Amino acid sequence: MDQELPTPGPINYNDSEKIIRLLKRLVPFALTKIDKLLVSKLDPEDIVQSVFRNFFTALQKGNFKPASWEEMWYLLAKMTIWKCNSKRDFYLSQARDVRIERPFDDKDDLSTGSLFLDEKLILEESLELVMIKLQDENKKKVFCLILQGQSPSEIAEEFGVSKKTIERFKNDIKEILTLEINQGVLKK
């Protein structure tokens, strides 16, 4: 890994340069810890963001008190390994086992039997709800392109924005759905 740890010494959490250096070092580390079967399902940047979020939440609660950058790296690395293992267990569990997935075949007919009528209605209502809640026309267009299967990189190129912007749009959409599900609007 070409990113070095910040220089030894006490930790200054406001030193964004050193935090970013740790972040950049942790992403390739996470990639080495992701099971080869799951590389297409897991994004090491997502794992590292989750680790950082959990780390700083625990830090605020006083659960961690690393005395140096080395100790902080050790904690972040351990948390990354744990998160990768947790994701591996999740995706290799019997119900979600990626080893038994099969690619979508053109012969598969999605109109019959793959979704029950109730599920189709819930999906349709969910999509309509997201479109209503998304007030920005660009976000609506991005949502439609995501549903059509375009990657964030392709969408970003089409709109002339960064991939991070598209990821932010996706997160906004997820938040809308999560909020509505939690409020019971989308429950049967």
N, C-alpha and C. Protein backbone atom coordinates (compact mmCIF):
# COMPACT_ATOMS: atom_id res chain seq x y z
N MET A 1 0.84 -1.18 0.00
CA MET A 1 0.00 0.00 0.00
C MET A 1 0.88 1.23 0.00
N ASP A 2 0.68 2.07 -0.94
CA ASP A 2 1.57 3.20 -1.10
C ASP A 2 1.25 4.34 -0.13
N GLN A 3 0.09 4.34 0.48
CA GLN A 3 -0.25 5.38 1.45
C GLN A 3 0.39 5.02 2.79
N GLU A 4 1.11 5.94 3.35
CA GLU A 4 1.73 5.70 4.64
C GLU A 4 0.84 6.20 5.75
N LEU A 5 1.09 5.69 6.94
CA LEU A 5 0.37 6.18 8.10
C LEU A 5 0.80 7.61 8.37
N PRO A 6 -0.08 8.41 8.97
CA PRO A 6 0.35 9.74 9.38
C PRO A 6 1.52 9.63 10.36
N THR A 7 2.26 10.70 10.48
CA THR A 7 3.43 10.69 11.36
C THR A 7 3.01 10.39 12.79
N PRO A 8 3.88 9.69 13.53
CA PRO A 8 3.55 9.35 14.91
C PRO A 8 3.27 10.61 15.74
N GLY A 9 2.48 10.41 16.75
CA GLY A 9 2.16 11.53 17.63
C GLY A 9 0.70 11.51 18.00
N PRO A 10 0.31 12.47 18.82
CA PRO A 10 -1.08 12.52 19.26
C PRO A 10 -2.02 12.79 18.08
N ILE A 11 -3.23 12.31 18.22
CA ILE A 11 -4.20 12.42 17.13
C ILE A 11 -4.92 13.75 17.20
N ASN A 12 -4.99 14.40 16.06
CA ASN A 12 -5.80 15.61 15.92
C ASN A 12 -6.89 15.26 14.91
N TYR A 13 -8.11 15.06 15.40
CA TYR A 13 -9.20 14.61 14.53
C TYR A 13 -9.65 15.71 13.56
N ASN A 14 -9.18 16.91 13.74
CA ASN A 14 -9.50 18.00 12.82
C ASN A 14 -8.51 18.07 11.66
N ASP A 15 -7.48 17.25 11.70
CA ASP A 15 -6.48 17.23 10.64
C ASP A 15 -7.00 16.37 9.49
N SER A 16 -7.76 17.00 8.60
CA SER A 16 -8.43 16.25 7.53
C SER A 16 -7.42 15.59 6.59
N GLU A 17 -6.26 16.18 6.41
CA GLU A 17 -5.26 15.59 5.53
C GLU A 17 -4.84 14.21 6.04
N LYS A 18 -4.61 14.10 7.34
CA LYS A 18 -4.20 12.81 7.90
C LYS A 18 -5.36 11.81 7.90
N ILE A 19 -6.56 12.29 8.14
CA ILE A 19 -7.72 11.40 8.11
C ILE A 19 -7.91 10.86 6.68
N ILE A 20 -7.77 11.72 5.70
CA ILE A 20 -7.92 11.31 4.30
C ILE A 20 -6.82 10.32 3.93
N ARG A 21 -5.62 10.51 4.45
CA ARG A 21 -4.52 9.58 4.19
C ARG A 21 -4.88 8.19 4.72
N LEU A 22 -5.48 8.15 5.92
CA LEU A 22 -5.91 6.86 6.47
C LEU A 22 -7.01 6.25 5.60
N LEU A 23 -7.94 7.08 5.19
CA LEU A 23 -9.05 6.63 4.34
C LEU A 23 -8.52 6.03 3.05
N LYS A 24 -7.58 6.72 2.40
CA LYS A 24 -7.03 6.24 1.13
C LYS A 24 -6.22 4.95 1.31
N ARG A 25 -5.68 4.77 2.48
CA ARG A 25 -4.93 3.55 2.74
C ARG A 25 -5.88 2.39 3.06
N LEU A 26 -7.02 2.73 3.65
CA LEU A 26 -7.95 1.70 4.08
C LEU A 26 -8.75 1.10 2.91
N VAL A 27 -9.01 1.87 1.87
CA VAL A 27 -9.80 1.36 0.74
C VAL A 27 -9.11 0.16 0.07
N PRO A 28 -7.84 0.27 -0.34
CA PRO A 28 -7.20 -0.92 -0.94
C PRO A 28 -7.07 -2.07 0.06
N PHE A 29 -6.90 -1.74 1.33
CA PHE A 29 -6.84 -2.77 2.36
C PHE A 29 -8.16 -3.53 2.39
N ALA A 30 -9.29 -2.80 2.34
CA ALA A 30 -10.61 -3.43 2.34
C ALA A 30 -10.77 -4.34 1.13
N LEU A 31 -10.28 -3.88 -0.02
CA LEU A 31 -10.41 -4.67 -1.24
C LEU A 31 -9.71 -6.02 -1.09
N THR A 32 -8.58 -6.05 -0.39
CA THR A 32 -7.87 -7.32 -0.19
C THR A 32 -8.62 -8.25 0.76
N LYS A 33 -9.53 -7.71 1.55
CA LYS A 33 -10.26 -8.51 2.54
C LYS A 33 -11.63 -8.96 2.04
N ILE A 34 -12.05 -8.49 0.87
CA ILE A 34 -13.35 -8.88 0.32
C ILE A 34 -13.20 -10.22 -0.38
N ASP A 35 -14.07 -11.15 -0.05
CA ASP A 35 -14.09 -12.46 -0.67
C ASP A 35 -14.20 -12.31 -2.19
N LYS A 36 -13.45 -13.09 -2.92
CA LYS A 36 -13.42 -12.96 -4.39
C LYS A 36 -14.79 -13.15 -5.02
N LEU A 37 -15.65 -13.96 -4.41
CA LEU A 37 -17.01 -14.14 -4.92
C LEU A 37 -17.85 -12.88 -4.81
N LEU A 38 -17.44 -11.98 -3.92
CA LEU A 38 -18.27 -10.82 -3.60
C LEU A 38 -17.76 -9.51 -4.18
N VAL A 39 -16.70 -9.56 -4.94
CA VAL A 39 -16.11 -8.33 -5.47
C VAL A 39 -17.13 -7.54 -6.29
N SER A 40 -18.01 -8.24 -7.00
CA SER A 40 -19.00 -7.54 -7.81
C SER A 40 -20.15 -6.99 -6.96
N LYS A 41 -20.31 -7.48 -5.74
CA LYS A 41 -21.42 -7.05 -4.87
C LYS A 41 -21.02 -5.96 -3.89
N LEU A 42 -19.75 -5.92 -3.53
CA LEU A 42 -19.31 -5.01 -2.48
C LEU A 42 -18.34 -3.96 -3.01
N ASP A 43 -18.52 -2.75 -2.56
CA ASP A 43 -17.63 -1.66 -2.92
C ASP A 43 -16.75 -1.36 -1.71
N PRO A 44 -15.42 -1.47 -1.85
CA PRO A 44 -14.56 -1.22 -0.69
C PRO A 44 -14.73 0.19 -0.12
N GLU A 45 -15.06 1.17 -0.98
CA GLU A 45 -15.28 2.52 -0.47
C GLU A 45 -16.50 2.57 0.44
N ASP A 46 -17.55 1.82 0.10
CA ASP A 46 -18.73 1.77 0.95
C ASP A 46 -18.40 1.15 2.30
N ILE A 47 -17.60 0.10 2.26
CA ILE A 47 -17.21 -0.57 3.51
C ILE A 47 -16.41 0.39 4.38
N VAL A 48 -15.46 1.10 3.78
CA VAL A 48 -14.62 2.02 4.54
C VAL A 48 -15.45 3.19 5.09
N GLN A 49 -16.39 3.70 4.30
CA GLN A 49 -17.25 4.77 4.80
C GLN A 49 -18.05 4.29 6.01
N SER A 50 -18.55 3.07 5.94
CA SER A 50 -19.30 2.50 7.06
C SER A 50 -18.39 2.35 8.28
N VAL A 51 -17.18 1.88 8.05
CA VAL A 51 -16.22 1.73 9.15
C VAL A 51 -15.93 3.09 9.80
N PHE A 52 -15.68 4.10 8.97
CA PHE A 52 -15.40 5.43 9.50
C PHE A 52 -16.59 5.97 10.29
N ARG A 53 -17.78 5.79 9.74
CA ARG A 53 -18.99 6.27 10.43
C ARG A 53 -19.11 5.57 11.80
N ASN A 54 -18.93 4.25 11.82
CA ASN A 54 -19.01 3.51 13.08
C ASN A 54 -17.91 3.93 14.05
N PHE A 55 -16.71 4.12 13.50
CA PHE A 55 -15.57 4.51 14.33
C PHE A 55 -15.84 5.85 15.03
N PHE A 56 -16.24 6.86 14.24
CA PHE A 56 -16.43 8.18 14.82
C PHE A 56 -17.66 8.24 15.73
N THR A 57 -18.65 7.43 15.46
CA THR A 57 -19.80 7.34 16.37
C THR A 57 -19.34 6.76 17.71
N ALA A 58 -18.58 5.67 17.65
CA ALA A 58 -18.07 5.06 18.88
C ALA A 58 -17.10 5.99 19.60
N LEU A 59 -16.33 6.74 18.84
CA LEU A 59 -15.38 7.69 19.42
C LEU A 59 -16.13 8.77 20.22
N GLN A 60 -17.22 9.28 19.64
CA GLN A 60 -18.02 10.29 20.33
C GLN A 60 -18.62 9.74 21.61
N LYS A 61 -18.97 8.47 21.61
CA LYS A 61 -19.57 7.85 22.80
C LYS A 61 -18.50 7.50 23.84
N GLY A 62 -17.25 7.64 23.45
CA GLY A 62 -16.16 7.33 24.39
C GLY A 62 -15.76 5.87 24.39
N ASN A 63 -16.22 5.10 23.41
CA ASN A 63 -15.88 3.68 23.36
C ASN A 63 -14.44 3.44 22.91
N PHE A 64 -13.88 4.37 22.15
CA PHE A 64 -12.50 4.27 21.68
C PHE A 64 -11.73 5.48 22.16
N LYS A 65 -10.45 5.25 22.48
CA LYS A 65 -9.56 6.35 22.82
C LYS A 65 -8.17 6.04 22.32
N PRO A 66 -8.01 5.98 20.98
CA PRO A 66 -6.67 5.68 20.46
C PRO A 66 -5.71 6.82 20.82
N ALA A 67 -4.53 6.43 21.26
CA ALA A 67 -3.55 7.43 21.69
C ALA A 67 -2.66 7.90 20.54
N SER A 68 -2.66 7.17 19.45
CA SER A 68 -1.79 7.54 18.34
C SER A 68 -2.45 7.17 17.02
N TRP A 69 -1.85 7.65 15.93
CA TRP A 69 -2.35 7.32 14.60
C TRP A 69 -2.21 5.82 14.35
N GLU A 70 -1.15 5.22 14.89
CA GLU A 70 -0.95 3.78 14.71
C GLU A 70 -2.08 3.00 15.36
N GLU A 71 -2.46 3.40 16.58
CA GLU A 71 -3.58 2.74 17.25
C GLU A 71 -4.88 2.95 16.49
N MET A 72 -5.05 4.15 15.95
CA MET A 72 -6.26 4.43 15.17
C MET A 72 -6.28 3.54 13.92
N TRP A 73 -5.15 3.41 13.23
CA TRP A 73 -5.07 2.55 12.06
C TRP A 73 -5.42 1.11 12.44
N TYR A 74 -4.86 0.64 13.55
CA TYR A 74 -5.12 -0.72 13.99
C TYR A 74 -6.62 -0.93 14.22
N LEU A 75 -7.27 0.00 14.89
CA LEU A 75 -8.71 -0.10 15.13
C LEU A 75 -9.49 -0.09 13.81
N LEU A 76 -9.15 0.83 12.92
CA LEU A 76 -9.85 0.92 11.64
C LEU A 76 -9.64 -0.35 10.81
N ALA A 77 -8.42 -0.88 10.82
CA ALA A 77 -8.13 -2.10 10.07
C ALA A 77 -8.93 -3.27 10.63
N LYS A 78 -8.97 -3.40 11.95
CA LYS A 78 -9.75 -4.48 12.59
C LYS A 78 -11.23 -4.33 12.27
N MET A 79 -11.73 -3.11 12.32
CA MET A 79 -13.14 -2.87 12.01
C MET A 79 -13.44 -3.20 10.55
N THR A 80 -12.50 -2.90 9.66
CA THR A 80 -12.67 -3.20 8.24
C THR A 80 -12.71 -4.71 8.02
N ILE A 81 -11.82 -5.43 8.66
CA ILE A 81 -11.81 -6.89 8.54
C ILE A 81 -13.13 -7.45 9.05
N TRP A 82 -13.58 -6.95 10.20
CA TRP A 82 -14.85 -7.41 10.76
C TRP A 82 -15.99 -7.13 9.81
N LYS A 83 -16.03 -5.93 9.23
CA LYS A 83 -17.11 -5.54 8.31
C LYS A 83 -17.08 -6.42 7.06
N CYS A 84 -15.91 -6.67 6.50
CA CYS A 84 -15.80 -7.54 5.32
C CYS A 84 -16.28 -8.96 5.64
N ASN A 85 -15.89 -9.47 6.80
CA ASN A 85 -16.33 -10.81 7.21
C ASN A 85 -17.85 -10.85 7.42
N SER A 86 -18.37 -9.79 8.00
CA SER A 86 -19.81 -9.70 8.22
C SER A 86 -20.57 -9.70 6.90
N LYS A 87 -20.07 -8.93 5.93
CA LYS A 87 -20.70 -8.89 4.61
C LYS A 87 -20.57 -10.25 3.91
N ARG A 88 -19.43 -10.90 4.06
CA ARG A 88 -19.25 -12.23 3.48
C ARG A 88 -20.28 -13.20 4.05
N ASP A 89 -20.42 -13.19 5.38
CA ASP A 89 -21.40 -14.08 6.02
C ASP A 89 -22.81 -13.77 5.53
N PHE A 90 -23.12 -12.49 5.36
CA PHE A 90 -24.44 -12.08 4.90
C PHE A 90 -24.71 -12.61 3.49
N TYR A 91 -23.77 -12.42 2.58
CA TYR A 91 -23.98 -12.81 1.18
C TYR A 91 -23.79 -14.30 0.93
N LEU A 92 -23.18 -14.99 1.84
CA LEU A 92 -23.01 -16.43 1.67
C LEU A 92 -23.98 -17.22 2.55
N SER A 93 -24.88 -16.53 3.24
CA SER A 93 -25.88 -17.23 4.03
C SER A 93 -26.78 -18.01 3.08
N GLN A 94 -27.46 -18.99 3.59
CA GLN A 94 -28.23 -19.89 2.75
C GLN A 94 -29.22 -19.16 1.84
N ALA A 95 -29.91 -18.16 2.36
CA ALA A 95 -30.93 -17.48 1.57
C ALA A 95 -30.35 -16.59 0.49
N ARG A 96 -29.12 -16.10 0.68
CA ARG A 96 -28.55 -15.14 -0.27
C ARG A 96 -27.29 -15.65 -0.95
N ASP A 97 -27.01 -16.90 -0.83
CA ASP A 97 -25.73 -17.44 -1.27
C ASP A 97 -25.42 -17.08 -2.72
N VAL A 98 -24.41 -16.23 -2.92
CA VAL A 98 -24.04 -15.79 -4.27
C VAL A 98 -23.46 -16.92 -5.09
N ARG A 99 -23.06 -17.99 -4.45
CA ARG A 99 -22.50 -19.12 -5.20
C ARG A 99 -23.57 -19.85 -6.00
N ILE A 100 -24.86 -19.67 -5.63
CA ILE A 100 -25.92 -20.35 -6.36
C ILE A 100 -26.74 -19.40 -7.24
N GLU A 101 -26.30 -18.15 -7.34
CA GLU A 101 -26.98 -17.21 -8.22
C GLU A 101 -26.77 -17.61 -9.66
N ARG A 102 -27.74 -17.29 -10.47
CA ARG A 102 -27.58 -17.53 -11.90
C ARG A 102 -27.86 -16.22 -12.62
N PRO A 103 -27.21 -15.99 -13.73
CA PRO A 103 -27.44 -14.75 -14.47
C PRO A 103 -28.86 -14.72 -15.03
N PHE A 104 -29.39 -13.52 -15.19
CA PHE A 104 -30.71 -13.33 -15.77
C PHE A 104 -30.69 -13.81 -17.20
N ASP A 105 -31.69 -14.56 -17.57
CA ASP A 105 -31.79 -15.11 -18.91
C ASP A 105 -32.96 -14.45 -19.63
N ASP A 106 -32.78 -14.14 -20.91
CA ASP A 106 -33.85 -13.53 -21.70
C ASP A 106 -35.10 -14.39 -21.71
N LYS A 107 -34.93 -15.67 -21.49
CA LYS A 107 -36.09 -16.57 -21.49
C LYS A 107 -36.92 -16.40 -20.22
N ASP A 108 -36.34 -15.84 -19.18
CA ASP A 108 -37.08 -15.61 -17.94
C ASP A 108 -38.16 -14.59 -18.20
N ASP A 109 -39.37 -14.90 -17.86
CA ASP A 109 -40.48 -13.98 -18.07
C ASP A 109 -40.83 -13.34 -16.74
N LEU A 110 -40.51 -12.07 -16.62
CA LEU A 110 -40.78 -11.37 -15.37
C LEU A 110 -42.25 -11.06 -15.17
N SER A 111 -43.06 -11.18 -16.20
CA SER A 111 -44.46 -10.82 -16.07
C SER A 111 -45.29 -11.93 -15.43
N THR A 112 -44.76 -13.14 -15.37
CA THR A 112 -45.54 -14.21 -14.79
C THR A 112 -44.75 -14.91 -13.70
N GLY A 113 -45.32 -14.92 -12.54
CA GLY A 113 -44.80 -15.74 -11.46
C GLY A 113 -43.61 -15.21 -10.70
N SER A 114 -42.82 -14.29 -11.20
CA SER A 114 -41.64 -13.87 -10.46
C SER A 114 -42.01 -12.94 -9.32
N LEU A 115 -43.05 -12.18 -9.48
CA LEU A 115 -43.54 -11.33 -8.40
C LEU A 115 -45.03 -11.58 -8.23
N PHE A 116 -45.46 -11.70 -7.01
CA PHE A 116 -46.89 -11.81 -6.76
C PHE A 116 -47.54 -10.47 -7.01
N LEU A 117 -48.83 -10.47 -7.21
CA LEU A 117 -49.56 -9.25 -7.52
C LEU A 117 -49.35 -8.19 -6.44
N ASP A 118 -49.41 -8.58 -5.17
CA ASP A 118 -49.20 -7.62 -4.08
C ASP A 118 -47.82 -6.99 -4.15
N GLU A 119 -46.82 -7.82 -4.44
CA GLU A 119 -45.46 -7.31 -4.54
C GLU A 119 -45.31 -6.34 -5.70
N LYS A 120 -45.96 -6.65 -6.81
CA LYS A 120 -45.93 -5.75 -7.97
C LYS A 120 -46.56 -4.41 -7.62
N LEU A 121 -47.68 -4.45 -6.91
CA LEU A 121 -48.34 -3.21 -6.52
C LEU A 121 -47.48 -2.39 -5.57
N ILE A 122 -46.84 -3.06 -4.62
CA ILE A 122 -45.98 -2.37 -3.66
C ILE A 122 -44.80 -1.74 -4.41
N LEU A 123 -44.22 -2.49 -5.33
CA LEU A 123 -43.10 -1.96 -6.11
C LEU A 123 -43.55 -0.74 -6.92
N GLU A 124 -44.68 -0.86 -7.57
CA GLU A 124 -45.20 0.24 -8.38
C GLU A 124 -45.47 1.48 -7.51
N GLU A 125 -46.09 1.27 -6.35
CA GLU A 125 -46.37 2.40 -5.45
C GLU A 125 -45.08 3.02 -4.93
N SER A 126 -44.10 2.18 -4.66
CA SER A 126 -42.81 2.67 -4.16
C SER A 126 -42.14 3.56 -5.20
N LEU A 127 -42.15 3.10 -6.45
CA LEU A 127 -41.52 3.87 -7.52
C LEU A 127 -42.25 5.19 -7.74
N GLU A 128 -43.57 5.15 -7.71
CA GLU A 128 -44.35 6.39 -7.86
C GLU A 128 -44.06 7.35 -6.72
N LEU A 129 -43.97 6.80 -5.51
CA LEU A 129 -43.71 7.63 -4.34
C LEU A 129 -42.36 8.33 -4.45
N VAL A 130 -41.34 7.59 -4.88
CA VAL A 130 -40.02 8.18 -5.04
C VAL A 130 -40.07 9.30 -6.08
N MET A 131 -40.76 9.05 -7.18
CA MET A 131 -40.85 10.08 -8.23
C MET A 131 -41.55 11.34 -7.72
N ILE A 132 -42.57 11.17 -6.88
CA ILE A 132 -43.28 12.32 -6.31
C ILE A 132 -42.38 13.08 -5.35
N LYS A 133 -41.66 12.35 -4.49
CA LYS A 133 -40.82 12.98 -3.47
C LYS A 133 -39.58 13.64 -4.06
N LEU A 134 -39.11 13.13 -5.20
CA LEU A 134 -37.95 13.73 -5.85
C LEU A 134 -38.42 14.98 -6.60
N GLN A 135 -38.08 16.13 -6.07
CA GLN A 135 -38.54 17.37 -6.68
C GLN A 135 -37.58 17.85 -7.77
N ASP A 136 -36.35 17.45 -7.69
CA ASP A 136 -35.34 17.85 -8.67
C ASP A 136 -35.48 16.97 -9.91
N GLU A 137 -35.66 17.60 -11.06
CA GLU A 137 -35.85 16.86 -12.31
C GLU A 137 -34.64 15.99 -12.66
N ASN A 138 -33.44 16.49 -12.35
CA ASN A 138 -32.24 15.70 -12.64
C ASN A 138 -32.23 14.42 -11.82
N LYS A 139 -32.66 14.50 -10.55
CA LYS A 139 -32.71 13.31 -9.71
C LYS A 139 -33.73 12.32 -10.26
N LYS A 140 -34.84 12.83 -10.78
CA LYS A 140 -35.84 11.94 -11.38
C LYS A 140 -35.25 11.22 -12.59
N LYS A 141 -34.52 11.97 -13.42
CA LYS A 141 -33.91 11.36 -14.60
C LYS A 141 -32.87 10.31 -14.19
N VAL A 142 -32.07 10.64 -13.16
CA VAL A 142 -31.07 9.70 -12.66
C VAL A 142 -31.75 8.44 -12.15
N PHE A 143 -32.84 8.61 -11.40
CA PHE A 143 -33.58 7.47 -10.87
C PHE A 143 -34.05 6.56 -12.01
N CYS A 144 -34.58 7.14 -13.06
CA CYS A 144 -35.05 6.35 -14.20
C CYS A 144 -33.89 5.60 -14.86
N LEU A 145 -32.75 6.25 -14.98
CA LEU A 145 -31.58 5.60 -15.60
C LEU A 145 -31.06 4.47 -14.72
N ILE A 146 -31.12 4.66 -13.40
CA ILE A 146 -30.71 3.59 -12.48
C ILE A 146 -31.63 2.39 -12.67
N LEU A 147 -32.93 2.66 -12.76
CA LEU A 147 -33.90 1.58 -12.95
C LEU A 147 -33.69 0.86 -14.28
N GLN A 148 -33.14 1.56 -15.25
CA GLN A 148 -32.87 0.95 -16.55
C GLN A 148 -31.56 0.17 -16.54
N GLY A 149 -30.85 0.21 -15.42
CA GLY A 149 -29.64 -0.59 -15.27
C GLY A 149 -28.34 0.10 -15.61
N GLN A 150 -28.38 1.43 -15.83
CA GLN A 150 -27.12 2.12 -16.12
C GLN A 150 -26.30 2.25 -14.84
N SER A 151 -25.00 2.20 -14.99
CA SER A 151 -24.11 2.32 -13.84
C SER A 151 -23.97 3.80 -13.46
N PRO A 152 -23.58 4.06 -12.21
CA PRO A 152 -23.35 5.45 -11.78
C PRO A 152 -22.33 6.16 -12.67
N SER A 153 -21.32 5.44 -13.13
CA SER A 153 -20.31 6.06 -14.00
C SER A 153 -20.91 6.49 -15.33
N GLU A 154 -21.75 5.64 -15.91
CA GLU A 154 -22.40 5.97 -17.18
C GLU A 154 -23.33 7.17 -17.02
N ILE A 155 -24.08 7.17 -15.92
CA ILE A 155 -25.02 8.27 -15.67
C ILE A 155 -24.25 9.57 -15.45
N ALA A 156 -23.18 9.50 -14.68
CA ALA A 156 -22.37 10.69 -14.40
C ALA A 156 -21.83 11.27 -15.70
N GLU A 157 -21.36 10.40 -16.58
CA GLU A 157 -20.83 10.86 -17.86
C GLU A 157 -21.93 11.52 -18.69
N GLU A 158 -23.10 10.91 -18.69
CA GLU A 158 -24.23 11.45 -19.48
C GLU A 158 -24.65 12.84 -18.98
N PHE A 159 -24.62 13.04 -17.65
CA PHE A 159 -25.04 14.31 -17.08
C PHE A 159 -23.90 15.32 -16.93
N GLY A 160 -22.68 14.85 -17.12
CA GLY A 160 -21.53 15.75 -16.98
C GLY A 160 -21.25 16.11 -15.54
N VAL A 161 -21.51 15.17 -14.62
CA VAL A 161 -21.24 15.38 -13.20
C VAL A 161 -20.35 14.25 -12.71
N SER A 162 -19.92 14.34 -11.46
CA SER A 162 -19.05 13.30 -10.92
C SER A 162 -19.88 12.08 -10.50
N LYS A 163 -19.19 10.96 -10.40
CA LYS A 163 -19.82 9.72 -9.95
C LYS A 163 -20.34 9.90 -8.51
N LYS A 164 -19.61 10.67 -7.72
CA LYS A 164 -20.02 10.93 -6.33
C LYS A 164 -21.37 11.64 -6.28
N THR A 165 -21.63 12.54 -7.23
CA THR A 165 -22.92 13.23 -7.29
C THR A 165 -24.03 12.23 -7.53
N ILE A 166 -23.80 11.31 -8.45
CA ILE A 166 -24.81 10.29 -8.74
C ILE A 166 -25.01 9.39 -7.51
N GLU A 167 -23.92 9.04 -6.85
CA GLU A 167 -24.03 8.23 -5.62
C GLU A 167 -24.84 8.98 -4.57
N ARG A 168 -24.63 10.30 -4.48
CA ARG A 168 -25.41 11.11 -3.53
C ARG A 168 -26.89 11.08 -3.91
N PHE A 169 -27.20 11.18 -5.19
CA PHE A 169 -28.59 11.08 -5.65
C PHE A 169 -29.18 9.73 -5.24
N LYS A 170 -28.39 8.66 -5.45
CA LYS A 170 -28.87 7.32 -5.08
C LYS A 170 -29.15 7.24 -3.58
N ASN A 171 -28.28 7.85 -2.78
CA ASN A 171 -28.50 7.84 -1.33
C ASN A 171 -29.75 8.62 -0.96
N ASP A 172 -30.02 9.72 -1.66
CA ASP A 172 -31.25 10.48 -1.43
C ASP A 172 -32.48 9.61 -1.70
N ILE A 173 -32.41 8.85 -2.77
CA ILE A 173 -33.52 7.96 -3.13
C ILE A 173 -33.70 6.88 -2.06
N LYS A 174 -32.58 6.31 -1.61
CA LYS A 174 -32.65 5.29 -0.55
C LYS A 174 -33.25 5.87 0.72
N GLU A 175 -32.87 7.10 1.05
CA GLU A 175 -33.41 7.73 2.25
C GLU A 175 -34.91 7.92 2.15
N ILE A 176 -35.39 8.31 0.98
CA ILE A 176 -36.84 8.48 0.78
C ILE A 176 -37.55 7.16 1.00
N LEU A 177 -37.03 6.11 0.39
CA LEU A 177 -37.66 4.80 0.54
C LEU A 177 -37.59 4.30 1.98
N THR A 178 -36.44 4.46 2.61
CA THR A 178 -36.29 4.02 3.99
C THR A 178 -37.24 4.77 4.91
N LEU A 179 -37.35 6.07 4.74
CA LEU A 179 -38.25 6.87 5.56
C LEU A 179 -39.69 6.40 5.38
N GLU A 180 -40.08 6.19 4.15
CA GLU A 180 -41.47 5.76 3.89
C GLU A 180 -41.73 4.36 4.42
N ILE A 181 -40.75 3.48 4.26
CA ILE A 181 -40.93 2.11 4.79
C ILE A 181 -41.04 2.16 6.30
N ASN A 182 -40.18 2.95 6.95
CA ASN A 182 -40.22 3.06 8.40
C ASN A 182 -41.51 3.68 8.91
N GLN A 183 -42.12 4.54 8.11
CA GLN A 183 -43.39 5.15 8.50
C GLN A 183 -44.57 4.25 8.20
N GLY A 184 -44.30 3.11 7.54
CA GLY A 184 -45.36 2.14 7.29
C GLY A 184 -46.17 2.39 6.03
N VAL A 185 -45.81 3.39 5.24
CA VAL A 185 -46.57 3.70 4.04
C VAL A 185 -46.52 2.56 3.04
N LEU A 186 -45.36 1.88 2.97
CA LEU A 186 -45.20 0.84 1.96
C LEU A 186 -45.49 -0.56 2.48
N LYS A 187 -45.90 -0.68 3.73
CA LYS A 187 -46.19 -2.00 4.28
C LYS A 187 -47.50 -2.52 3.72
N LYS A 188 -47.59 -3.83 3.67
CA LYS A 188 -48.81 -4.46 3.14
C LYS A 188 -50.00 -4.12 4.00
